């Protein structure tokens, strides 16, 4: 006989937080949103990767490209580059993120002195970088001859065929430093000489690294930015249960910090095989998230298989129609509550804390606070990030409103059949996602800062200054359908219709 759950399956919209006592210390600026990304022995060791904000971006074509990954890392979160692309292109996106922010940068914009202005412009278009190193052989580590920056040429007054040797700033006029220079010394030289970049060369005059003023300025502007030990931005990437033996090595070589199995349902042998292969070949050096699950059994299965974090949620995404097409899933709030209990139970038994991620079901900003209060360590967001300037999709005008395209990985447009892998043919038999639009919402930094201020403010209302404290002190109540109506504006005529997201 089939098993029936006694309680109904509930969503975040069916809950509210009941305020607790707030002391004078409970102000939003005092709230810490630091949270673990991967498993660790709580109380015995530091978490290998701790995020500064509890937000990661979804493993989706319409969400997580290199530009959004950089923008989110600047705010303290982690983006998971979408895996429904070739191994080479995904690895290249990871490399772009890892090379964007470093104290010592290996130059990716290099030309020979015989190159032309047209070559300079083409390289700038390709890399997005305006500083070009001119080396004897045109490589990143050739003998340095000069630098071409935007100030060195004017397109309107020069021929595109003019060689860079004629307009570059030559070596004798450059401020350079030995490759033994420390990062602090390099920054001091940059400031003392009022320059934007400092080439570091070895004893033979060969270029080793570049240090950029903008990297220093960026860190001062983005105090929460998430960096690895080498001062590069932290970035994740999606993998599947089919080509992991090829994809994982390429991503590791590109410098990825954490990978995550992208699947609509994680309680499968395919996921345990994938995690097992990673552990056999890399041990614990490669961090891997798994999912998605919606109950205790699913969490235990993936935790025991060796997952570094577990994602929760089936069918709750705004572009997901899995529940409609297949009739499986669970209300996101109910799923998070049960898996959080399983996570705590597993920690008491083993001493290993396996973070859990709530993926989907976020409609309003306050739903993120509810997810954290219910036990999630962080949330994965698709629609939320798809709205921003940095997402990889096009902006379009629909009925006078600026929108961005947004489609699901299970849609016919994405054709990510690996995400729904059940060991069958290499095709998408039916759609589990839709193709849609979302209202354009400006830059990621502005949106995230606004959202997280609301989260911090609500936490203060609960008397909590950290996520663990929120989970300890939170008091939640189920709301009736009429109290949901009561909670919004009602019985008035609105002058304008704004959104809280």
Protein backbone atom coordinates (compact mmCIF):
# COMPACT_ATOMS: atom_id res chain seq x y z
CA UNK A 1 0.00 0.00 0.00
CA UNK A 2 1.24 3.48 -0.85
CA UNK A 3 2.57 5.66 1.93
CA UNK A 4 0.65 8.84 2.73
CA UNK A 5 2.24 11.82 4.46
CA UNK A 6 0.03 13.05 7.28
CA UNK A 7 0.80 16.75 6.87
CA UNK A 8 0.08 18.78 3.73
CA UNK A 9 2.90 20.00 1.52
CA UNK A 10 3.40 23.72 2.27
CA UNK A 11 5.09 26.62 0.48
CA UNK A 12 6.94 29.64 1.86
CA UNK A 13 3.88 31.77 1.16
CA UNK A 14 1.99 29.87 3.85
CA UNK A 15 4.31 30.96 6.67
CA UNK A 16 5.18 34.11 8.54
CA UNK A 17 7.85 34.82 11.14
CA UNK A 18 6.58 35.96 14.53
CA UNK A 19 8.76 38.78 15.94
CA UNK A 20 10.95 38.09 18.97
CA UNK A 21 12.67 40.37 21.44
CA UNK A 22 15.14 42.74 19.78
CA UNK A 23 17.84 44.35 21.88
CA UNK A 24 19.47 47.67 21.00
CA UNK A 25 22.30 45.65 19.40
CA UNK A 26 19.91 44.31 16.76
CA UNK A 27 20.53 46.67 13.87
CA UNK A 28 20.86 45.53 10.24
CA UNK A 29 24.49 46.66 9.90
CA UNK A 30 25.46 44.36 12.78
CA UNK A 31 24.01 41.23 11.16
CA UNK A 32 26.44 38.65 9.75
CA UNK A 33 25.23 36.61 6.79
CA UNK A 34 28.28 34.35 6.61
CA UNK A 35 27.35 30.74 5.93
CA UNK A 36 29.12 27.48 5.02
CA UNK A 37 29.02 26.28 1.43
CA UNK A 38 30.52 22.80 1.90
CA UNK A 39 30.70 20.17 4.63
CA UNK A 40 33.13 20.27 7.54
CA UNK A 41 33.54 18.94 11.07
CA UNK A 42 31.78 21.62 13.04
CA UNK A 43 33.73 22.72 16.10
CA UNK A 44 36.86 20.88 14.94
CA UNK A 45 37.84 22.63 11.70
CA UNK A 46 37.13 25.69 9.60
CA UNK A 47 34.73 25.29 6.70
CA UNK A 48 36.84 25.09 3.48
CA UNK A 49 34.54 27.56 1.70
CA UNK A 50 32.46 30.07 3.66
CA UNK A 51 30.28 32.53 1.77
CA UNK A 52 29.72 36.08 2.96
CA UNK A 53 26.08 36.06 1.85
CA UNK A 54 23.65 33.10 1.65
CA UNK A 55 23.00 33.34 -2.09
CA UNK A 56 24.11 31.21 -5.05
CA UNK A 57 22.92 31.44 -8.64
CA UNK A 58 21.16 28.60 -10.40
CA UNK A 59 22.88 26.27 -12.87
CA UNK A 60 21.01 27.69 -15.85
CA UNK A 61 21.83 28.95 -19.34
CA UNK A 62 19.72 32.05 -18.77
CA UNK A 63 21.30 32.88 -15.40
CA UNK A 64 24.86 31.86 -14.68
CA UNK A 65 27.46 33.06 -17.15
CA UNK A 66 30.90 34.47 -16.38
CA UNK A 67 29.73 38.08 -16.02
CA UNK A 68 27.10 37.23 -13.42
CA UNK A 69 29.57 34.97 -11.60
CA UNK A 70 31.97 37.88 -11.21
CA UNK A 71 29.21 40.25 -10.08
CA UNK A 72 27.90 37.80 -7.49
CA UNK A 73 31.38 36.98 -6.13
CA UNK A 74 31.90 40.72 -5.65
CA UNK A 75 28.89 40.69 -3.33
CA UNK A 76 30.07 37.60 -1.42
CA UNK A 77 28.08 34.79 -3.06
CA UNK A 78 28.86 32.02 -5.53
CA UNK A 79 27.61 31.44 -9.06
CA UNK A 80 27.38 27.98 -10.60
CA UNK A 81 28.27 28.26 -14.29
CA UNK A 82 25.74 26.31 -16.35
CA UNK A 83 26.81 22.85 -17.48
CA UNK A 84 24.48 22.48 -20.47
CA UNK A 85 27.23 23.54 -22.86
CA UNK A 86 30.41 21.99 -24.16
CA UNK A 87 33.12 21.05 -21.69
CA UNK A 88 35.49 23.51 -23.35
CA UNK A 89 33.15 26.49 -23.21
CA UNK A 90 32.19 25.88 -19.57
CA UNK A 91 35.85 25.56 -18.58
CA UNK A 92 36.62 28.79 -20.45
CA UNK A 93 33.89 30.61 -18.49
CA UNK A 94 35.44 29.36 -15.25
CA UNK A 95 38.86 30.56 -16.40
CA UNK A 96 37.46 33.99 -17.19
CA UNK A 97 36.10 34.33 -13.66
CA UNK A 98 39.27 33.04 -12.01
CA UNK A 99 41.54 35.36 -14.01
CA UNK A 100 39.36 38.45 -13.57
CA UNK A 101 40.45 39.19 -10.01
CA UNK A 102 43.96 38.44 -8.85
CA UNK A 103 46.71 40.29 -7.14
CA UNK A 104 49.12 39.03 -9.80
CA UNK A 105 47.48 38.61 -13.20
CA UNK A 106 48.94 36.62 -16.08
CA UNK A 107 48.26 38.90 -19.03
CA UNK A 108 45.63 37.57 -21.44
CA UNK A 109 46.03 40.51 -23.86
CA UNK A 110 49.36 40.29 -25.66
CA UNK A 111 50.60 41.29 -29.10
CA UNK A 112 53.82 41.48 -31.10
CA UNK A 113 55.18 44.95 -31.97
CA UNK A 114 54.27 44.27 -35.62
CA UNK A 115 50.57 43.92 -34.77
CA UNK A 116 48.22 46.69 -35.87
CA UNK A 117 45.68 48.99 -34.28
CA UNK A 118 43.01 46.70 -35.77
CA UNK A 119 44.56 43.81 -33.81
CA UNK A 120 44.44 45.90 -30.62
CA UNK A 121 40.75 46.65 -31.11
CA UNK A 122 39.94 43.03 -31.93
CA UNK A 123 41.77 41.83 -28.83
CA UNK A 124 39.97 44.36 -26.66
CA UNK A 125 36.65 43.15 -28.05
CA UNK A 126 37.60 39.55 -27.30
CA UNK A 127 38.94 39.94 -23.75
CA UNK A 128 37.21 43.11 -22.59
CA UNK A 129 40.57 44.42 -21.35
CA UNK A 130 42.02 47.73 -22.54
CA UNK A 131 45.63 47.15 -21.42
CA UNK A 132 47.69 45.19 -23.95
CA UNK A 133 51.22 43.96 -23.27
CA UNK A 134 53.56 44.21 -26.25
CA UNK A 135 56.12 41.42 -26.06
CA UNK A 136 58.80 40.23 -28.43
CA UNK A 137 56.93 37.04 -29.33
CA UNK A 138 53.41 38.21 -28.54
CA UNK A 139 53.00 35.83 -25.59
CA UNK A 140 52.11 36.43 -21.95
CA UNK A 141 55.68 35.75 -20.84
CA UNK A 142 57.73 37.11 -23.71
CA UNK A 143 60.31 39.89 -23.38
CA UNK A 144 58.39 43.08 -22.54
CA UNK A 145 58.76 45.88 -25.12
CA UNK A 146 55.91 48.19 -24.16
CA UNK A 147 52.26 48.63 -23.22
CA UNK A 148 49.27 49.80 -25.24
CA UNK A 149 46.48 51.41 -23.24
CA UNK A 150 43.39 53.34 -24.37
CA UNK A 151 45.27 56.65 -23.96
CA UNK A 152 47.83 55.58 -26.58
CA UNK A 153 45.55 55.76 -29.62
CA UNK A 154 42.60 57.60 -31.10
CA UNK A 155 40.60 55.62 -33.61
CA UNK A 156 39.27 58.71 -35.38
CA UNK A 157 42.78 60.01 -36.16
CA UNK A 158 44.73 56.84 -36.87
CA UNK A 159 44.82 54.19 -39.55
CA UNK A 160 43.80 50.70 -38.48
CA UNK A 161 46.91 49.38 -40.22
CA UNK A 162 49.30 51.38 -38.03
CA UNK A 163 51.66 49.08 -36.10
CA UNK A 164 51.64 49.11 -32.30
CA UNK A 165 55.40 49.73 -32.21
CA UNK A 166 54.64 53.24 -33.43
CA UNK A 167 52.12 54.25 -30.75
CA UNK A 168 52.75 52.01 -27.72
CA UNK A 169 54.29 53.36 -24.53
CA UNK A 170 57.82 51.88 -24.84
CA UNK A 171 59.58 50.01 -22.07
CA UNK A 172 61.92 52.88 -21.22
CA UNK A 173 58.95 55.10 -20.37
CA UNK A 174 57.12 52.47 -18.30
CA UNK A 175 57.16 52.04 -14.54
CA UNK A 176 58.00 48.37 -13.98
CA UNK A 177 59.05 46.24 -11.01
CA UNK A 178 60.86 42.92 -10.44
CA UNK A 179 58.78 39.75 -10.32
CA UNK A 180 59.82 39.35 -6.66
CA UNK A 181 57.76 42.43 -5.69
CA UNK A 182 55.06 41.74 -3.09
CA UNK A 183 51.44 42.71 -3.69
CA UNK A 184 51.62 45.45 -1.06
CA UNK A 185 54.79 46.86 -2.62
CA UNK A 186 53.21 46.72 -6.07
CA UNK A 187 50.14 48.63 -4.90
CA UNK A 188 52.38 51.22 -3.22
CA UNK A 189 54.27 51.71 -6.51
CA UNK A 190 50.99 52.08 -8.41
CA UNK A 191 49.73 54.75 -6.02
CA UNK A 192 53.06 56.60 -5.80
CA UNK A 193 53.33 56.85 -9.58
CA UNK A 194 49.61 57.40 -10.27
CA UNK A 195 49.49 54.58 -12.84
CA UNK A 196 46.77 52.07 -13.65
CA UNK A 197 48.93 48.98 -14.14
CA UNK A 198 52.34 47.71 -13.12
CA UNK A 199 54.21 45.06 -15.17
CA UNK A 200 56.36 42.68 -13.15
CA UNK A 201 59.35 41.32 -15.10
CA UNK A 202 62.05 38.76 -14.36
CA UNK A 203 65.83 39.22 -14.53
CA UNK A 204 65.78 38.64 -18.30
CA UNK A 205 63.15 41.30 -18.90
CA UNK A 206 60.39 38.79 -19.58
CA UNK A 207 56.87 39.68 -18.47
CA UNK A 208 55.64 37.54 -15.56
CA UNK A 209 52.56 39.31 -14.17
CA UNK A 210 50.49 42.48 -14.25
CA UNK A 211 49.12 44.20 -11.15
CA UNK A 212 46.14 46.50 -11.74
CA UNK A 213 44.96 49.48 -9.76
CA UNK A 214 41.34 48.56 -10.49
CA UNK A 215 41.72 45.32 -8.52
CA UNK A 216 42.77 47.29 -5.44
CA UNK A 217 39.94 49.77 -5.91
CA UNK A 218 37.46 46.93 -6.49
CA UNK A 219 38.31 45.30 -3.18
CA UNK A 220 37.83 48.59 -1.32
CA UNK A 221 34.43 49.03 -2.97
CA UNK A 222 33.32 45.42 -2.44
CA UNK A 223 34.21 44.58 1.15
CA UNK A 224 32.24 41.31 1.04
CA UNK A 225 33.83 39.97 -2.16
CA UNK A 226 34.53 36.25 -2.02
CA UNK A 227 38.14 35.37 -2.86
CA UNK A 228 40.18 32.19 -2.77
CA UNK A 229 43.68 31.92 -1.29
CA UNK A 230 45.16 33.24 -4.54
CA UNK A 231 42.95 36.36 -4.50
CA UNK A 232 40.75 35.10 -7.34
CA UNK A 233 36.98 35.14 -7.23
CA UNK A 234 35.33 31.94 -6.02
CA UNK A 235 33.23 30.25 -8.70
CA UNK A 236 31.24 27.03 -9.04
CA UNK A 237 30.17 25.00 -12.05
CA UNK A 238 27.44 22.53 -12.93
CA UNK A 239 28.13 18.94 -13.98
CA UNK A 240 25.90 16.06 -15.05
CA UNK A 241 25.84 12.31 -14.43
CA UNK A 242 26.94 11.39 -17.95
CA UNK A 243 30.21 13.09 -18.96
CA UNK A 244 31.66 13.85 -15.52
CA UNK A 245 34.85 11.90 -16.24
CA UNK A 246 35.63 14.41 -18.99
CA UNK A 247 34.01 17.54 -17.56
CA UNK A 248 35.33 17.49 -13.98
CA UNK A 249 39.06 17.33 -14.93
CA UNK A 250 38.60 20.23 -17.36
CA UNK A 251 36.83 22.34 -14.73
CA UNK A 252 39.46 21.53 -12.11
CA UNK A 253 42.21 22.53 -14.55
CA UNK A 254 40.36 25.81 -15.13
CA UNK A 255 40.44 26.50 -11.38
CA UNK A 256 36.85 25.79 -10.32
CA UNK A 257 36.30 25.95 -6.56
CA UNK A 258 33.23 23.71 -6.30
CA UNK A 259 31.06 21.69 -8.67
CA UNK A 260 27.42 20.70 -8.33
CA UNK A 261 25.48 17.91 -10.00
CA UNK A 262 22.65 19.55 -11.91
CA UNK A 263 19.65 17.26 -11.77
CA UNK A 264 15.93 17.53 -11.27
CA UNK A 265 16.01 14.57 -8.85
CA UNK A 266 19.00 13.50 -6.81
CA UNK A 267 17.90 10.35 -4.99
CA UNK A 268 19.47 8.16 -7.71
CA UNK A 269 22.27 5.71 -8.32
CA UNK A 270 23.54 8.03 -11.06
CA UNK A 271 24.42 10.68 -8.48
CA UNK A 272 26.14 8.26 -6.12
CA UNK A 273 28.21 6.97 -9.05
CA UNK A 274 29.22 10.52 -9.98
CA UNK A 275 30.22 11.44 -6.43
CA UNK A 276 32.04 8.11 -6.06
CA UNK A 277 34.10 8.75 -9.19
CA UNK A 278 35.09 12.20 -7.92
CA UNK A 279 36.11 10.82 -4.53
CA UNK A 280 38.08 7.98 -6.14
CA UNK A 281 40.00 10.33 -8.43
CA UNK A 282 40.28 13.49 -6.34
CA UNK A 283 39.56 12.52 -2.74
CA UNK A 284 38.16 15.47 -0.82
CA UNK A 285 40.05 18.05 -2.89
CA UNK A 286 37.15 18.56 -5.28
CA UNK A 287 34.03 19.83 -3.54
CA UNK A 288 30.79 18.56 -5.01
CA UNK A 289 27.18 19.44 -4.27
CA UNK A 290 24.33 17.08 -5.13
CA UNK A 291 20.55 17.01 -5.35
CA UNK A 292 17.78 17.78 -5.63
CA UNK A 293 15.91 16.01 -2.82
CA UNK A 294 12.79 16.79 -0.78
CA UNK A 295 12.89 14.44 2.21
CA UNK A 296 15.02 12.83 4.91
CA UNK A 297 15.80 9.70 2.91
CA UNK A 298 17.06 11.67 -0.06
CA UNK A 299 19.36 13.77 2.13
CA UNK A 300 20.78 10.75 3.95
CA UNK A 301 21.48 9.00 0.67
CA UNK A 302 23.51 11.90 -0.75
CA UNK A 303 25.26 12.73 2.52
CA UNK A 304 26.38 9.11 2.89
CA UNK A 305 27.44 9.07 -0.77
CA UNK A 306 29.88 11.88 0.06
CA UNK A 307 28.13 15.08 -1.09
CA UNK A 308 29.64 18.33 0.21
CA UNK A 309 26.25 20.05 0.23
CA UNK A 310 22.73 18.97 -0.67
CA UNK A 311 20.16 20.91 -2.70
CA UNK A 312 16.47 20.82 -1.82
CA UNK A 313 13.56 21.33 -4.17
CA UNK A 314 11.61 19.61 -6.94
CA UNK A 315 9.14 21.51 -9.10
CA UNK A 316 9.16 24.82 -7.18
CA UNK A 317 11.03 26.98 -9.70
CA UNK A 318 9.09 29.70 -11.49
CA UNK A 319 9.86 28.18 -14.91
CA UNK A 320 9.60 24.54 -13.78
CA UNK A 321 6.58 22.44 -14.76
CA UNK A 322 7.80 19.10 -13.35
CA UNK A 323 4.85 18.89 -10.97
CA UNK A 324 2.43 19.57 -13.79
CA UNK A 325 3.94 17.11 -16.23
CA UNK A 326 5.02 14.31 -13.89
CA UNK A 327 3.09 14.82 -10.66
CA UNK A 328 6.16 14.63 -8.40
CA UNK A 329 7.59 17.16 -5.98
CA UNK A 330 6.87 18.70 -2.62
CA UNK A 331 6.06 22.14 -1.25
CA UNK A 332 9.38 23.91 -0.73
CA UNK A 333 8.82 24.94 2.89
CA UNK A 334 7.88 21.42 3.96
CA UNK A 335 10.88 19.98 2.10
CA UNK A 336 13.34 22.41 3.72
CA UNK A 337 11.97 21.79 7.21
CA UNK A 338 12.28 18.00 6.91
CA UNK A 339 15.72 18.02 5.27
CA UNK A 340 17.02 20.49 7.88
CA UNK A 341 16.00 18.03 10.60
CA UNK A 342 17.80 15.25 8.72
CA UNK A 343 20.91 17.45 8.36
CA UNK A 344 20.97 18.11 12.12
CA UNK A 345 20.40 14.43 12.86
CA UNK A 346 23.28 13.46 10.57
CA UNK A 347 25.53 16.02 12.29
CA UNK A 348 24.72 14.63 15.76
CA UNK A 349 25.55 11.11 14.57
CA UNK A 350 28.72 11.84 12.61
CA UNK A 351 30.05 15.23 13.68
CA UNK A 352 29.99 16.26 10.01
CA UNK A 353 27.90 19.29 9.09
CA UNK A 354 26.54 19.03 5.54
CA UNK A 355 25.07 22.40 4.44
CA UNK A 356 21.73 22.39 2.70
CA UNK A 357 20.59 24.69 -0.09
CA UNK A 358 16.99 25.68 -0.75
CA UNK A 359 16.57 25.70 -4.53
CA UNK A 360 13.33 27.18 -5.86
CA UNK A 361 10.07 28.47 -4.42
CA UNK A 362 11.33 32.02 -3.75
CA UNK A 363 8.67 34.50 -4.89
CA UNK A 364 9.28 37.44 -2.54
CA UNK A 365 12.46 38.59 -0.83
CA UNK A 366 11.18 37.61 2.61
CA UNK A 367 10.90 33.99 1.43
CA UNK A 368 14.71 33.88 1.59
CA UNK A 369 14.58 34.77 5.28
CA UNK A 370 11.96 32.08 5.82
CA UNK A 371 14.13 29.50 4.06
CA UNK A 372 17.09 30.40 6.28
CA UNK A 373 14.94 30.35 9.42
CA UNK A 374 13.63 26.90 8.49
CA UNK A 375 17.18 25.57 8.36
CA UNK A 376 18.63 26.26 4.92
CA UNK A 377 22.26 27.41 4.96
CA UNK A 378 21.83 29.27 1.68
CA UNK A 379 19.40 29.63 -1.22
CA UNK A 380 19.84 29.01 -4.94
CA UNK A 381 18.06 31.52 -7.16
CA UNK A 382 17.21 31.52 -10.86
CA UNK A 383 14.48 34.02 -11.71
CA UNK A 384 15.87 36.44 -9.14
CA UNK A 385 19.27 36.69 -10.87
CA UNK A 386 17.92 36.36 -14.43
CA UNK A 387 16.43 39.87 -14.08
CA UNK A 388 19.76 41.63 -13.67
CA UNK A 389 21.99 43.37 -16.20
CA UNK A 390 24.75 40.79 -15.72
CA UNK A 391 22.70 37.71 -16.63
CA UNK A 392 23.60 36.32 -20.07
CA UNK A 393 20.23 36.87 -21.76
CA UNK A 394 18.92 39.59 -24.04
CA UNK A 395 16.93 42.62 -22.95
CA UNK A 396 13.71 43.09 -24.90
CA UNK A 397 10.79 45.54 -24.85
CA UNK A 398 7.41 43.94 -24.20
CA UNK A 399 4.38 46.26 -24.17
CA UNK A 400 6.59 49.20 -23.25
CA UNK A 401 8.37 47.37 -20.39
CA UNK A 402 12.00 46.27 -20.46
CA UNK A 403 12.25 42.53 -19.87
CA UNK A 404 14.94 39.86 -19.93
CA UNK A 405 14.53 36.42 -21.43
CA UNK A 406 14.41 33.53 -18.98
CA UNK A 407 14.01 29.84 -19.78
CA UNK A 408 14.18 26.61 -17.84
CA UNK A 409 16.84 23.95 -18.30
CA UNK A 410 14.05 21.48 -19.01
CA UNK A 411 12.56 23.65 -21.75
CA UNK A 412 12.79 22.86 -25.43
CA UNK A 413 15.05 25.90 -25.81
CA UNK A 414 17.69 24.64 -23.37
CA UNK A 415 17.33 20.96 -24.27
CA UNK A 416 19.32 19.97 -21.19
CA UNK A 417 18.29 16.31 -21.28
CA UNK A 418 21.19 15.32 -18.99
CA UNK A 419 19.47 17.13 -16.13
CA UNK A 420 16.60 14.66 -16.32
CA UNK A 421 18.83 11.63 -16.88
CA UNK A 422 17.23 8.30 -16.07
CA UNK A 423 19.70 6.25 -18.07
CA UNK A 424 17.76 6.40 -21.31
CA UNK A 425 18.38 7.84 -24.76
CA UNK A 426 20.25 11.09 -25.26
CA UNK A 427 17.23 13.28 -25.82
CA UNK A 428 14.55 15.36 -24.11
CA UNK A 429 11.37 13.30 -24.35
CA UNK A 430 9.09 16.01 -23.02
CA UNK A 431 9.47 19.48 -21.54
CA UNK A 432 9.74 20.16 -17.80
CA UNK A 433 10.41 23.89 -18.15
CA UNK A 434 9.05 26.91 -19.98
CA UNK A 435 10.47 29.82 -22.01
CA UNK A 436 9.50 33.21 -20.55
CA UNK A 437 10.35 36.82 -19.70
CA UNK A 438 11.10 38.52 -16.38
CA UNK A 439 11.04 42.28 -15.67
CA UNK A 440 14.48 43.87 -15.97
CA UNK A 441 15.76 44.93 -12.53
CA UNK A 442 19.00 46.85 -13.10
CA UNK A 443 22.36 45.80 -11.70
CA UNK A 444 22.98 42.80 -9.49
CA UNK A 445 24.76 44.83 -6.83
CA UNK A 446 21.80 47.17 -6.31
CA UNK A 447 19.29 44.33 -6.25
CA UNK A 448 21.25 42.10 -3.88
CA UNK A 449 22.00 44.95 -1.48
CA UNK A 450 18.32 45.88 -1.32
CA UNK A 451 17.23 42.27 -0.78
CA UNK A 452 19.81 41.54 1.90
CA UNK A 453 18.94 44.70 3.81
CA UNK A 454 15.41 43.32 4.08
CA UNK A 455 16.78 39.96 5.25
CA UNK A 456 18.97 41.61 7.89
CA UNK A 457 16.09 43.80 9.04
CA UNK A 458 13.77 40.80 9.47
CA UNK A 459 16.49 38.92 11.36
CA UNK A 460 16.74 41.86 13.74
CA UNK A 461 12.98 41.65 14.29
CA UNK A 462 13.60 38.07 15.40
CA UNK A 463 16.46 39.13 17.71
CA UNK A 464 19.08 37.35 15.58
CA UNK A 465 22.47 38.65 14.39
CA UNK A 466 23.56 35.55 12.46
CA UNK A 467 21.96 32.77 10.45
CA UNK A 468 22.56 30.09 13.13
CA UNK A 469 21.00 32.42 15.71
CA UNK A 470 18.00 32.99 13.43
CA UNK A 471 17.51 29.23 13.10
CA UNK A 472 17.62 28.91 16.89
CA UNK A 473 15.34 31.81 17.74
CA UNK A 474 12.89 31.89 14.82
CA UNK A 475 9.21 31.36 15.57
CA UNK A 476 7.06 30.54 12.57
CA UNK A 477 3.32 30.38 12.10
CA UNK A 478 1.16 28.91 9.35
CA UNK A 479 -1.15 31.53 7.87
CA UNK A 480 -4.66 31.16 6.56
CA UNK A 481 -5.72 32.18 3.07
CA UNK A 482 -7.54 35.24 4.44
CA UNK A 483 -4.53 36.36 6.50
CA UNK A 484 -2.41 36.17 3.34
CA UNK A 485 -4.81 38.66 1.75
CA UNK A 486 -4.71 40.77 4.90
CA UNK A 487 -0.90 40.87 4.73
CA UNK A 488 -0.83 42.86 1.50
CA UNK A 489 -2.35 46.19 0.59
CA UNK A 490 -6.13 45.87 0.47
CA UNK A 491 -9.30 47.94 0.35
CA UNK A 492 -7.44 50.86 -1.25
CA UNK A 493 -6.76 52.10 -4.77
CA UNK A 494 -3.01 52.08 -5.39
CA UNK A 495 -1.36 55.07 -7.03
CA UNK A 496 1.35 52.85 -8.53
CA UNK A 497 2.12 49.16 -8.63
CA UNK A 498 5.69 48.50 -7.48
CA UNK A 499 7.36 45.21 -6.70
CA UNK A 500 9.11 44.22 -3.50
CA UNK A 501 11.74 42.24 -5.41
